N, C-alpha and C. Protein backbone atom coordinates (compact mmCIF):
# COMPACT_ATOMS: atom_id res chain seq x y z
N MET A 1 95.48 101.23 108.56
CA MET A 1 95.01 102.52 108.05
C MET A 1 94.41 103.33 109.20
N PHE A 2 94.37 104.64 108.99
CA PHE A 2 93.84 105.56 109.99
C PHE A 2 92.91 106.56 109.31
N THR A 3 92.16 107.29 110.12
CA THR A 3 91.17 108.22 109.57
C THR A 3 91.53 109.68 109.80
N GLY A 4 92.51 109.95 110.63
CA GLY A 4 92.87 111.33 110.93
C GLY A 4 91.98 111.96 111.99
N ILE A 5 91.12 111.15 112.61
CA ILE A 5 90.31 111.63 113.73
C ILE A 5 91.04 111.26 115.02
N VAL A 6 91.78 112.20 115.57
CA VAL A 6 92.58 111.93 116.77
C VAL A 6 91.66 111.61 117.93
N GLN A 7 92.01 110.55 118.67
CA GLN A 7 91.16 110.08 119.77
C GLN A 7 91.52 110.72 121.10
N GLY A 8 92.68 111.34 121.18
CA GLY A 8 93.09 111.98 122.42
C GLY A 8 94.59 112.17 122.44
N THR A 9 95.12 112.47 123.62
CA THR A 9 96.56 112.64 123.78
C THR A 9 97.09 111.63 124.79
N ALA A 10 98.33 111.22 124.56
CA ALA A 10 99.05 110.34 125.48
C ALA A 10 100.26 111.09 126.01
N THR A 11 100.78 110.65 127.15
CA THR A 11 101.89 111.32 127.80
C THR A 11 103.16 110.48 127.69
N VAL A 12 104.25 111.12 127.32
CA VAL A 12 105.54 110.42 127.23
C VAL A 12 106.03 110.07 128.63
N ILE A 13 106.32 108.78 128.87
CA ILE A 13 106.84 108.32 130.15
C ILE A 13 108.36 108.20 130.09
N THR A 14 108.87 107.48 129.09
CA THR A 14 110.32 107.33 128.94
C THR A 14 110.69 107.37 127.47
N THR A 15 111.91 107.84 127.21
CA THR A 15 112.51 107.80 125.87
C THR A 15 113.92 107.27 126.04
N LEU A 16 114.15 106.04 125.64
CA LEU A 16 115.47 105.43 125.76
C LEU A 16 116.14 105.51 124.39
N MET A 17 117.10 106.44 124.25
CA MET A 17 117.75 106.67 122.97
C MET A 17 119.03 105.87 122.87
N LYS A 18 119.18 105.18 121.74
CA LYS A 18 120.41 104.48 121.42
C LYS A 18 120.92 105.07 120.10
N ASP A 19 121.88 104.40 119.46
CA ASP A 19 122.41 104.89 118.20
C ASP A 19 121.37 104.74 117.11
N GLN A 20 120.74 105.87 116.71
CA GLN A 20 119.72 105.91 115.65
C GLN A 20 118.56 104.95 115.94
N PHE A 21 118.20 104.85 117.20
CA PHE A 21 117.12 103.96 117.63
C PHE A 21 116.57 104.49 118.95
N MET A 22 115.25 104.45 119.12
CA MET A 22 114.67 104.92 120.37
C MET A 22 113.53 104.01 120.80
N GLN A 23 113.51 103.68 122.10
CA GLN A 23 112.39 102.97 122.70
C GLN A 23 111.52 104.01 123.41
N LEU A 24 110.27 104.08 123.01
CA LEU A 24 109.35 105.10 123.49
C LEU A 24 108.22 104.43 124.27
N THR A 25 107.97 104.93 125.48
CA THR A 25 106.85 104.43 126.28
C THR A 25 105.91 105.58 126.59
N LEU A 26 104.63 105.35 126.32
CA LEU A 26 103.59 106.36 126.50
C LEU A 26 102.51 105.86 127.46
N GLU A 27 101.92 106.79 128.18
CA GLU A 27 100.78 106.47 129.03
C GLU A 27 99.51 106.98 128.35
N PHE A 28 98.56 106.06 128.13
CA PHE A 28 97.32 106.37 127.42
C PHE A 28 96.15 106.47 128.39
N PRO A 29 95.09 107.18 128.00
CA PRO A 29 93.86 107.12 128.80
C PRO A 29 93.38 105.67 128.87
N GLN A 30 92.96 105.24 130.04
CA GLN A 30 92.61 103.83 130.25
C GLN A 30 91.53 103.35 129.29
N GLN A 31 90.56 104.22 128.96
CA GLN A 31 89.45 103.79 128.11
C GLN A 31 89.87 103.47 126.68
N HIS A 32 91.09 103.83 126.31
CA HIS A 32 91.57 103.54 124.95
C HIS A 32 92.57 102.39 124.95
N CYS A 33 92.58 101.59 126.02
CA CYS A 33 93.57 100.51 126.13
C CYS A 33 92.93 99.12 126.08
N GLU A 34 91.73 99.03 125.57
CA GLU A 34 91.08 97.73 125.46
C GLU A 34 91.61 96.96 124.25
N HIS A 35 91.72 95.65 124.41
CA HIS A 35 92.09 94.74 123.31
C HIS A 35 93.45 95.09 122.70
N LEU A 36 94.39 95.50 123.52
CA LEU A 36 95.75 95.75 123.03
C LEU A 36 96.42 94.42 122.71
N GLN A 37 97.31 94.45 121.74
CA GLN A 37 98.11 93.27 121.46
C GLN A 37 99.42 93.68 120.81
N THR A 38 100.48 92.95 121.14
CA THR A 38 101.78 93.22 120.55
C THR A 38 101.69 93.03 119.03
N GLY A 39 102.26 93.98 118.30
CA GLY A 39 102.22 93.93 116.84
C GLY A 39 101.14 94.79 116.23
N ALA A 40 100.20 95.26 117.04
CA ALA A 40 99.14 96.14 116.54
C ALA A 40 99.71 97.53 116.28
N SER A 41 98.98 98.32 115.49
CA SER A 41 99.45 99.64 115.10
C SER A 41 98.66 100.75 115.79
N ILE A 42 99.38 101.80 116.18
CA ILE A 42 98.78 103.02 116.70
C ILE A 42 99.51 104.19 116.05
N ALA A 43 98.76 105.20 115.63
CA ALA A 43 99.38 106.39 115.06
C ALA A 43 99.72 107.36 116.20
N ILE A 44 100.99 107.73 116.28
CA ILE A 44 101.48 108.67 117.29
C ILE A 44 101.95 109.92 116.55
N ASN A 45 101.29 111.06 116.80
CA ASN A 45 101.54 112.27 116.01
C ASN A 45 101.48 111.95 114.52
N GLY A 46 100.55 111.07 114.18
CA GLY A 46 100.34 110.71 112.78
C GLY A 46 101.26 109.64 112.24
N THR A 47 102.20 109.17 113.04
CA THR A 47 103.18 108.17 112.60
C THR A 47 102.72 106.78 113.00
N CYS A 48 102.61 105.89 112.04
CA CYS A 48 102.19 104.53 112.34
C CYS A 48 103.31 103.80 113.06
N LEU A 49 103.05 103.42 114.33
CA LEU A 49 104.03 102.68 115.13
C LEU A 49 103.45 101.34 115.54
N THR A 50 104.33 100.38 115.76
CA THR A 50 103.94 99.03 116.15
C THR A 50 104.15 98.84 117.65
N ILE A 51 103.13 98.32 118.32
CA ILE A 51 103.25 98.04 119.75
C ILE A 51 104.26 96.93 119.97
N THR A 52 105.25 97.20 120.83
CA THR A 52 106.24 96.17 121.15
C THR A 52 106.03 95.60 122.55
N GLY A 53 105.23 96.27 123.36
CA GLY A 53 104.93 95.77 124.69
C GLY A 53 103.96 96.71 125.38
N PHE A 54 103.25 96.20 126.39
CA PHE A 54 102.32 97.04 127.13
C PHE A 54 102.09 96.45 128.52
N ARG A 55 101.78 97.37 129.43
CA ARG A 55 101.46 96.99 130.80
C ARG A 55 100.45 97.98 131.32
N ALA A 56 99.25 97.50 131.62
CA ALA A 56 98.14 98.39 132.01
C ALA A 56 97.94 99.40 130.90
N ASN A 57 98.07 100.70 131.20
CA ASN A 57 97.84 101.72 130.16
C ASN A 57 99.14 102.34 129.66
N GLN A 58 100.27 101.65 129.90
CA GLN A 58 101.55 102.12 129.36
C GLN A 58 101.94 101.22 128.19
N ILE A 59 102.21 101.84 127.06
CA ILE A 59 102.46 101.11 125.82
C ILE A 59 103.82 101.54 125.28
N SER A 60 104.60 100.56 124.79
CA SER A 60 105.95 100.83 124.29
C SER A 60 106.04 100.60 122.79
N PHE A 61 106.94 101.35 122.17
CA PHE A 61 107.17 101.29 120.72
C PHE A 61 108.67 101.40 120.46
N ASP A 62 109.12 100.82 119.34
CA ASP A 62 110.49 100.98 118.88
C ASP A 62 110.49 101.91 117.67
N LEU A 63 111.38 102.92 117.70
CA LEU A 63 111.50 103.86 116.59
C LEU A 63 112.86 103.67 115.94
N ILE A 64 112.86 103.38 114.64
CA ILE A 64 114.11 103.16 113.92
C ILE A 64 114.59 104.46 113.27
N MET A 65 115.74 104.42 112.64
CA MET A 65 116.42 105.61 112.17
C MET A 65 115.59 106.42 111.17
N GLU A 66 114.86 105.77 110.26
CA GLU A 66 114.06 106.52 109.28
C GLU A 66 112.92 107.27 109.96
N THR A 67 112.30 106.65 110.96
CA THR A 67 111.25 107.33 111.71
C THR A 67 111.81 108.54 112.44
N LEU A 68 112.98 108.39 113.05
CA LEU A 68 113.60 109.50 113.76
C LEU A 68 114.01 110.62 112.80
N ARG A 69 114.38 110.26 111.58
CA ARG A 69 114.82 111.26 110.59
C ARG A 69 113.66 112.07 110.05
N VAL A 70 112.54 111.41 109.76
CA VAL A 70 111.46 112.07 109.04
C VAL A 70 110.46 112.75 109.97
N THR A 71 110.30 112.25 111.19
CA THR A 71 109.23 112.73 112.07
C THR A 71 109.78 113.57 113.23
N ASN A 72 108.85 114.09 114.03
CA ASN A 72 109.24 114.87 115.21
C ASN A 72 109.31 114.02 116.48
N LEU A 73 109.19 112.70 116.35
CA LEU A 73 109.15 111.85 117.54
C LEU A 73 110.49 111.78 118.27
N GLY A 74 111.57 111.96 117.54
CA GLY A 74 112.88 111.93 118.18
C GLY A 74 113.13 113.10 119.11
N GLU A 75 112.29 114.13 119.03
CA GLU A 75 112.44 115.31 119.88
C GLU A 75 111.69 115.17 121.21
N LEU A 76 110.92 114.10 121.36
CA LEU A 76 110.08 113.95 122.54
C LEU A 76 110.90 113.75 123.81
N LYS A 77 110.34 114.22 124.92
CA LYS A 77 110.96 114.02 126.23
C LYS A 77 109.85 113.71 127.23
N PRO A 78 110.19 113.08 128.37
CA PRO A 78 109.17 112.72 129.36
C PRO A 78 108.32 113.93 129.75
N GLY A 79 107.00 113.68 129.80
CA GLY A 79 106.05 114.74 130.13
C GLY A 79 105.39 115.36 128.93
N ASP A 80 105.98 115.19 127.74
CA ASP A 80 105.38 115.73 126.52
C ASP A 80 104.07 115.00 126.19
N LYS A 81 103.20 115.68 125.49
CA LYS A 81 101.94 115.09 125.02
C LYS A 81 102.03 114.82 123.52
N VAL A 82 101.39 113.74 123.09
CA VAL A 82 101.32 113.40 121.67
C VAL A 82 99.89 113.03 121.31
N ASN A 83 99.53 113.27 120.06
CA ASN A 83 98.23 112.83 119.55
C ASN A 83 98.29 111.33 119.26
N PHE A 84 97.17 110.65 119.47
CA PHE A 84 97.14 109.23 119.09
C PHE A 84 95.81 108.88 118.43
N GLU A 85 95.89 107.86 117.58
CA GLU A 85 94.70 107.25 116.98
C GLU A 85 94.99 105.77 116.80
N ARG A 86 94.15 104.93 117.35
CA ARG A 86 94.30 103.49 117.13
C ARG A 86 93.83 103.16 115.71
N ALA A 87 94.38 102.09 115.16
CA ALA A 87 94.10 101.73 113.77
C ALA A 87 92.61 101.55 113.53
N ALA A 88 92.17 101.98 112.34
CA ALA A 88 90.77 101.85 111.96
C ALA A 88 90.42 100.38 111.74
N ARG A 89 89.17 100.03 112.02
CA ARG A 89 88.69 98.68 111.80
C ARG A 89 87.62 98.70 110.70
N ILE A 90 87.45 97.59 110.05
CA ILE A 90 86.42 97.50 109.01
C ILE A 90 85.06 97.82 109.62
N GLY A 91 84.34 98.74 109.01
CA GLY A 91 83.04 99.14 109.51
C GLY A 91 83.07 100.43 110.30
N ASP A 92 84.29 100.91 110.67
CA ASP A 92 84.38 102.18 111.39
C ASP A 92 83.95 103.33 110.49
N GLU A 93 83.37 104.36 111.10
CA GLU A 93 83.03 105.57 110.35
C GLU A 93 84.31 106.32 110.00
N ILE A 94 84.42 106.76 108.73
CA ILE A 94 85.57 107.52 108.28
C ILE A 94 85.20 108.99 108.36
N GLY A 95 85.54 109.63 109.47
CA GLY A 95 85.15 111.02 109.66
C GLY A 95 86.14 112.00 109.06
N GLY A 96 87.38 111.56 108.83
CA GLY A 96 88.39 112.43 108.25
C GLY A 96 88.69 112.02 106.83
N HIS A 97 89.94 111.58 106.56
CA HIS A 97 90.27 111.00 105.26
C HIS A 97 91.28 109.88 105.52
N MET A 98 91.38 108.95 104.58
CA MET A 98 92.20 107.78 104.79
C MET A 98 93.68 108.15 104.85
N LEU A 99 94.35 107.65 105.89
CA LEU A 99 95.77 107.93 106.10
C LEU A 99 96.53 106.62 106.26
N SER A 100 97.79 106.65 105.83
CA SER A 100 98.64 105.46 105.97
C SER A 100 99.47 105.50 107.24
N GLY A 101 99.66 106.71 107.80
CA GLY A 101 100.56 106.84 108.94
C GLY A 101 102.01 106.92 108.54
N HIS A 102 102.27 107.10 107.23
CA HIS A 102 103.63 107.24 106.72
C HIS A 102 103.90 108.73 106.48
N ILE A 103 104.72 109.33 107.33
CA ILE A 103 104.95 110.76 107.31
C ILE A 103 105.85 111.14 106.14
N HIS A 104 105.46 112.20 105.41
CA HIS A 104 106.25 112.65 104.27
C HIS A 104 107.31 113.67 104.66
N GLY A 105 107.08 114.40 105.74
CA GLY A 105 108.03 115.42 106.17
C GLY A 105 107.44 116.21 107.32
N GLN A 106 107.99 117.38 107.54
CA GLN A 106 107.50 118.21 108.64
C GLN A 106 107.23 119.63 108.15
N ALA A 107 106.33 120.30 108.85
CA ALA A 107 106.05 121.72 108.63
C ALA A 107 106.24 122.42 109.97
N THR A 108 106.64 123.67 109.92
CA THR A 108 106.89 124.43 111.13
C THR A 108 105.82 125.50 111.33
N ILE A 109 105.27 125.58 112.53
CA ILE A 109 104.29 126.62 112.82
C ILE A 109 104.98 127.97 112.77
N SER A 110 104.50 128.86 111.89
CA SER A 110 105.13 130.16 111.71
C SER A 110 104.30 131.31 112.28
N GLN A 111 103.00 131.07 112.48
CA GLN A 111 102.13 132.15 112.98
C GLN A 111 100.85 131.53 113.53
N ILE A 112 100.33 132.10 114.60
CA ILE A 112 99.06 131.66 115.17
C ILE A 112 98.17 132.88 115.36
N GLU A 113 96.98 132.85 114.76
CA GLU A 113 96.00 133.91 114.92
C GLU A 113 94.87 133.38 115.79
N GLN A 114 94.30 134.24 116.63
CA GLN A 114 93.32 133.79 117.61
C GLN A 114 92.05 134.63 117.57
N PRO A 115 91.22 134.49 116.50
CA PRO A 115 89.91 135.13 116.54
C PRO A 115 89.04 134.46 117.62
N GLU A 116 87.92 135.06 117.96
CA GLU A 116 87.05 134.49 118.98
C GLU A 116 86.54 133.12 118.54
N ASP A 117 86.70 132.12 119.43
CA ASP A 117 86.22 130.75 119.22
C ASP A 117 86.87 130.07 118.02
N ASN A 118 88.00 130.56 117.58
CA ASN A 118 88.72 129.96 116.45
C ASN A 118 90.22 130.05 116.71
N ARG A 119 90.97 129.29 115.94
CA ARG A 119 92.42 129.46 115.90
C ARG A 119 92.87 129.18 114.48
N ILE A 120 93.62 130.11 113.92
CA ILE A 120 94.18 129.96 112.58
C ILE A 120 95.67 129.73 112.74
N VAL A 121 96.15 128.61 112.26
CA VAL A 121 97.55 128.26 112.41
C VAL A 121 98.21 128.24 111.03
N TRP A 122 99.28 129.01 110.89
CA TRP A 122 100.05 129.07 109.65
C TRP A 122 101.28 128.18 109.77
N PHE A 123 101.59 127.49 108.68
CA PHE A 123 102.73 126.59 108.64
C PHE A 123 103.66 126.97 107.49
N GLU A 124 104.95 126.78 107.74
CA GLU A 124 105.96 126.89 106.69
C GLU A 124 106.28 125.48 106.24
N GLY A 125 105.99 125.18 104.97
CA GLY A 125 106.13 123.82 104.50
C GLY A 125 107.39 123.59 103.70
N ASN A 126 107.76 122.32 103.55
CA ASN A 126 108.87 121.91 102.70
C ASN A 126 108.50 122.18 101.24
N SER A 127 109.37 122.86 100.52
CA SER A 127 109.05 123.25 99.14
C SER A 127 108.74 122.04 98.26
N GLU A 128 109.34 120.88 98.54
CA GLU A 128 109.09 119.69 97.75
C GLU A 128 107.68 119.13 97.98
N LEU A 129 107.11 119.42 99.14
CA LEU A 129 105.77 118.91 99.46
C LEU A 129 104.66 119.91 99.16
N MET A 130 105.01 121.17 98.97
CA MET A 130 103.98 122.19 98.81
C MET A 130 103.13 122.00 97.55
N LYS A 131 103.63 121.29 96.55
CA LYS A 131 102.82 121.05 95.35
C LYS A 131 101.60 120.19 95.66
N TYR A 132 101.62 119.49 96.81
CA TYR A 132 100.48 118.67 97.20
C TYR A 132 99.54 119.39 98.17
N ILE A 133 99.90 120.62 98.54
CA ILE A 133 99.10 121.41 99.49
C ILE A 133 98.25 122.38 98.69
N LEU A 134 96.96 122.09 98.56
CA LEU A 134 96.06 122.87 97.72
C LEU A 134 94.91 123.43 98.56
N PRO A 135 94.47 124.65 98.26
CA PRO A 135 93.35 125.22 99.02
C PRO A 135 92.13 124.31 99.01
N LYS A 136 91.56 124.08 100.17
CA LYS A 136 90.39 123.22 100.39
C LYS A 136 90.70 121.74 100.21
N GLY A 137 91.97 121.41 100.05
CA GLY A 137 92.35 120.01 100.02
C GLY A 137 92.58 119.49 101.43
N PHE A 138 92.99 118.23 101.53
CA PHE A 138 93.22 117.61 102.83
C PHE A 138 94.72 117.54 103.13
N VAL A 139 95.03 117.60 104.42
CA VAL A 139 96.38 117.33 104.89
C VAL A 139 96.27 116.76 106.30
N ALA A 140 97.21 115.91 106.66
CA ALA A 140 97.25 115.39 108.04
C ALA A 140 98.43 116.03 108.75
N LEU A 141 98.15 116.68 109.89
CA LEU A 141 99.17 117.36 110.67
C LEU A 141 99.19 116.78 112.08
N ASN A 142 100.31 116.16 112.44
CA ASN A 142 100.40 115.41 113.70
C ASN A 142 99.23 114.45 113.86
N GLY A 143 98.82 113.86 112.72
CA GLY A 143 97.77 112.86 112.74
C GLY A 143 96.36 113.39 112.63
N CYS A 144 96.18 114.72 112.60
CA CYS A 144 94.84 115.31 112.50
C CYS A 144 94.48 115.53 111.04
N SER A 145 93.36 115.01 110.60
CA SER A 145 92.85 115.27 109.27
C SER A 145 92.27 116.68 109.25
N LEU A 146 92.86 117.56 108.44
CA LEU A 146 92.46 118.96 108.42
C LEU A 146 92.28 119.44 106.98
N THR A 147 91.40 120.42 106.83
CA THR A 147 91.18 121.05 105.53
C THR A 147 92.09 122.27 105.41
N ILE A 148 92.80 122.34 104.30
CA ILE A 148 93.71 123.45 104.06
C ILE A 148 92.91 124.71 103.76
N GLY A 149 93.31 125.83 104.35
CA GLY A 149 92.66 127.11 104.10
C GLY A 149 93.33 127.83 102.96
N GLU A 150 94.23 128.73 103.27
CA GLU A 150 94.94 129.51 102.25
C GLU A 150 96.34 128.95 102.02
N VAL A 151 96.84 129.17 100.80
CA VAL A 151 98.20 128.77 100.44
C VAL A 151 98.89 129.99 99.86
N GLN A 152 100.05 130.33 100.43
CA GLN A 152 100.82 131.48 99.98
C GLN A 152 102.29 131.06 99.87
N GLY A 153 102.72 130.77 98.65
CA GLY A 153 104.10 130.31 98.46
C GLY A 153 104.34 129.02 99.22
N ASN A 154 105.30 129.04 100.15
CA ASN A 154 105.59 127.86 100.96
C ASN A 154 104.84 127.87 102.28
N ARG A 155 103.83 128.75 102.41
CA ARG A 155 103.04 128.84 103.63
C ARG A 155 101.61 128.41 103.36
N PHE A 156 100.99 127.81 104.37
CA PHE A 156 99.57 127.49 104.28
C PHE A 156 98.98 127.54 105.68
N ASN A 157 97.66 127.63 105.75
CA ASN A 157 97.04 127.66 107.07
C ASN A 157 95.89 126.68 107.18
N VAL A 158 95.52 126.41 108.42
CA VAL A 158 94.33 125.61 108.72
C VAL A 158 93.55 126.34 109.80
N TYR A 159 92.25 126.11 109.81
CA TYR A 159 91.36 126.73 110.80
C TYR A 159 90.94 125.64 111.78
N LEU A 160 91.18 125.87 113.07
CA LEU A 160 90.92 124.86 114.08
C LEU A 160 89.74 125.27 114.95
N ILE A 161 88.80 124.33 115.13
CA ILE A 161 87.63 124.58 115.97
C ILE A 161 87.98 124.24 117.43
N PRO A 162 87.19 124.72 118.39
CA PRO A 162 87.48 124.43 119.81
C PRO A 162 87.61 122.95 120.12
N GLU A 163 86.83 122.07 119.48
CA GLU A 163 86.91 120.64 119.75
C GLU A 163 88.29 120.09 119.40
N THR A 164 88.84 120.51 118.28
CA THR A 164 90.17 120.08 117.88
C THR A 164 91.21 120.55 118.88
N LEU A 165 91.07 121.79 119.35
CA LEU A 165 92.01 122.34 120.32
C LEU A 165 91.94 121.60 121.65
N THR A 166 90.75 121.11 122.00
CA THR A 166 90.56 120.40 123.27
C THR A 166 91.12 118.98 123.21
N VAL A 167 90.88 118.28 122.11
CA VAL A 167 91.22 116.86 122.02
C VAL A 167 92.68 116.63 121.65
N THR A 168 93.28 117.54 120.90
CA THR A 168 94.63 117.34 120.36
C THR A 168 95.66 118.26 121.02
N THR A 169 96.90 118.07 120.62
CA THR A 169 97.99 118.91 121.15
C THR A 169 98.00 120.30 120.52
N PHE A 170 97.15 120.56 119.53
CA PHE A 170 97.14 121.90 118.93
C PHE A 170 96.63 122.96 119.91
N GLY A 171 95.97 122.55 120.97
CA GLY A 171 95.53 123.51 121.97
C GLY A 171 96.68 124.18 122.69
N THR A 172 97.84 123.53 122.74
CA THR A 172 99.00 124.09 123.43
C THR A 172 100.18 124.32 122.48
N ALA A 173 99.95 124.17 121.17
CA ALA A 173 101.03 124.35 120.20
C ALA A 173 101.48 125.81 120.17
N SER A 174 102.72 126.03 119.76
CA SER A 174 103.24 127.40 119.71
C SER A 174 104.11 127.57 118.47
N VAL A 175 104.38 128.83 118.14
CA VAL A 175 105.21 129.15 116.98
C VAL A 175 106.59 128.49 117.15
N GLY A 176 107.06 127.89 116.07
CA GLY A 176 108.35 127.20 116.09
C GLY A 176 108.23 125.70 116.23
N ASP A 177 107.06 125.20 116.65
CA ASP A 177 106.86 123.75 116.77
C ASP A 177 106.95 123.10 115.40
N ARG A 178 107.61 121.95 115.35
CA ARG A 178 107.68 121.18 114.11
C ARG A 178 106.61 120.10 114.14
N ILE A 179 105.83 120.04 113.07
CA ILE A 179 104.63 119.19 113.01
C ILE A 179 104.77 118.17 111.89
N ASN A 180 104.45 116.91 112.20
CA ASN A 180 104.48 115.86 111.18
C ASN A 180 103.41 116.11 110.13
N LEU A 181 103.76 115.86 108.88
CA LEU A 181 102.85 116.12 107.76
C LEU A 181 102.75 114.89 106.86
N GLU A 182 101.52 114.47 106.61
CA GLU A 182 101.25 113.43 105.61
C GLU A 182 100.31 114.02 104.57
N VAL A 183 100.74 114.04 103.31
CA VAL A 183 99.89 114.61 102.27
C VAL A 183 98.78 113.63 101.92
N ASP A 184 97.71 114.16 101.35
CA ASP A 184 96.58 113.33 100.93
C ASP A 184 97.01 112.45 99.76
N SER A 185 96.79 111.16 99.86
CA SER A 185 97.27 110.22 98.85
C SER A 185 96.62 110.46 97.48
N GLN A 186 95.34 110.82 97.46
CA GLN A 186 94.68 111.07 96.17
C GLN A 186 95.24 112.32 95.50
N THR A 187 95.47 113.36 96.29
CA THR A 187 96.08 114.58 95.74
C THR A 187 97.46 114.27 95.19
N GLN A 188 98.23 113.49 95.95
CA GLN A 188 99.58 113.13 95.51
C GLN A 188 99.54 112.36 94.19
N ALA A 189 98.61 111.42 94.06
CA ALA A 189 98.51 110.63 92.84
C ALA A 189 98.17 111.49 91.64
N VAL A 190 97.22 112.42 91.80
CA VAL A 190 96.82 113.29 90.69
C VAL A 190 97.96 114.20 90.27
N VAL A 191 98.61 114.86 91.26
CA VAL A 191 99.70 115.78 90.95
C VAL A 191 100.85 115.05 90.27
N ASP A 192 101.24 113.89 90.78
CA ASP A 192 102.35 113.14 90.19
C ASP A 192 102.01 112.67 88.78
N THR A 193 100.76 112.25 88.56
CA THR A 193 100.35 111.80 87.22
C THR A 193 100.41 112.95 86.23
N VAL A 194 99.91 114.10 86.60
CA VAL A 194 99.94 115.27 85.71
C VAL A 194 101.38 115.67 85.41
N GLU A 195 102.25 115.65 86.42
CA GLU A 195 103.66 115.99 86.22
C GLU A 195 104.31 115.04 85.22
N ARG A 196 104.08 113.74 85.37
CA ARG A 196 104.67 112.77 84.45
C ARG A 196 104.15 112.98 83.04
N TYR A 197 102.86 113.27 82.90
CA TYR A 197 102.27 113.49 81.59
C TYR A 197 102.90 114.71 80.92
N MET A 198 103.07 115.79 81.66
CA MET A 198 103.65 117.01 81.10
C MET A 198 105.11 116.80 80.73
N GLN A 199 105.84 116.04 81.55
CA GLN A 199 107.24 115.77 81.23
C GLN A 199 107.37 114.93 79.97
N GLN A 200 106.49 113.92 79.81
CA GLN A 200 106.52 113.09 78.61
C GLN A 200 106.19 113.91 77.36
N ASN A 201 105.20 114.79 77.48
CA ASN A 201 104.83 115.64 76.34
C ASN A 201 105.96 116.59 75.97
N ALA A 202 106.67 117.10 76.99
CA ALA A 202 107.78 118.01 76.73
C ALA A 202 108.89 117.29 75.99
N ILE A 203 109.15 116.04 76.36
CA ILE A 203 110.20 115.26 75.68
C ILE A 203 109.80 114.97 74.25
N LEU A 204 108.55 114.59 74.01
CA LEU A 204 108.08 114.25 72.67
C LEU A 204 108.04 115.46 71.74
N SER A 205 107.87 116.65 72.30
CA SER A 205 107.74 117.85 71.48
C SER A 205 109.09 118.48 71.11
N ARG A 206 110.18 117.92 71.64
CA ARG A 206 111.50 118.46 71.31
C ARG A 206 111.90 118.13 69.87
């Protein structure tokens, strides 16, 4: 599990692409490389990946076809930056909201507004996922736990503080970037339950 509190950015070293499979190697800040072990999980742009090997502060992962299909990781190239968060441990402070690291889809940055000491980022979301995007609800974008601001049709925005811009890749994000999205599990459960209830009532009332 993860908390959505991104710990920093890692740099893409190599991307070895095969048929619907990619081996990804990233360079991490040294201070975040303690107690590494093969098989452990790290969220990369919000995607839960398993460590397949490491040497010093370079860590490798295998990405299978479903990961490449659903996430933006298949677009990475050497030199790119990604957000990372190591798996939460029992007793850790939960500063964001609980995340599984299982990406539901992607949203595209459609507009960026830059008031003083703020950044407002608008996203165009997948219509199938927008029912889970509610004003003042939670969403994870490239692994960042964020509060949703406004929702307009298939568009929504988030307000980013300077700390988020400094620690994450959102400081250099631009219009057109595709961002991994994980909806809040509690919101998803409530919305799906209400939908099933309404569908059952509609059938019974025929």
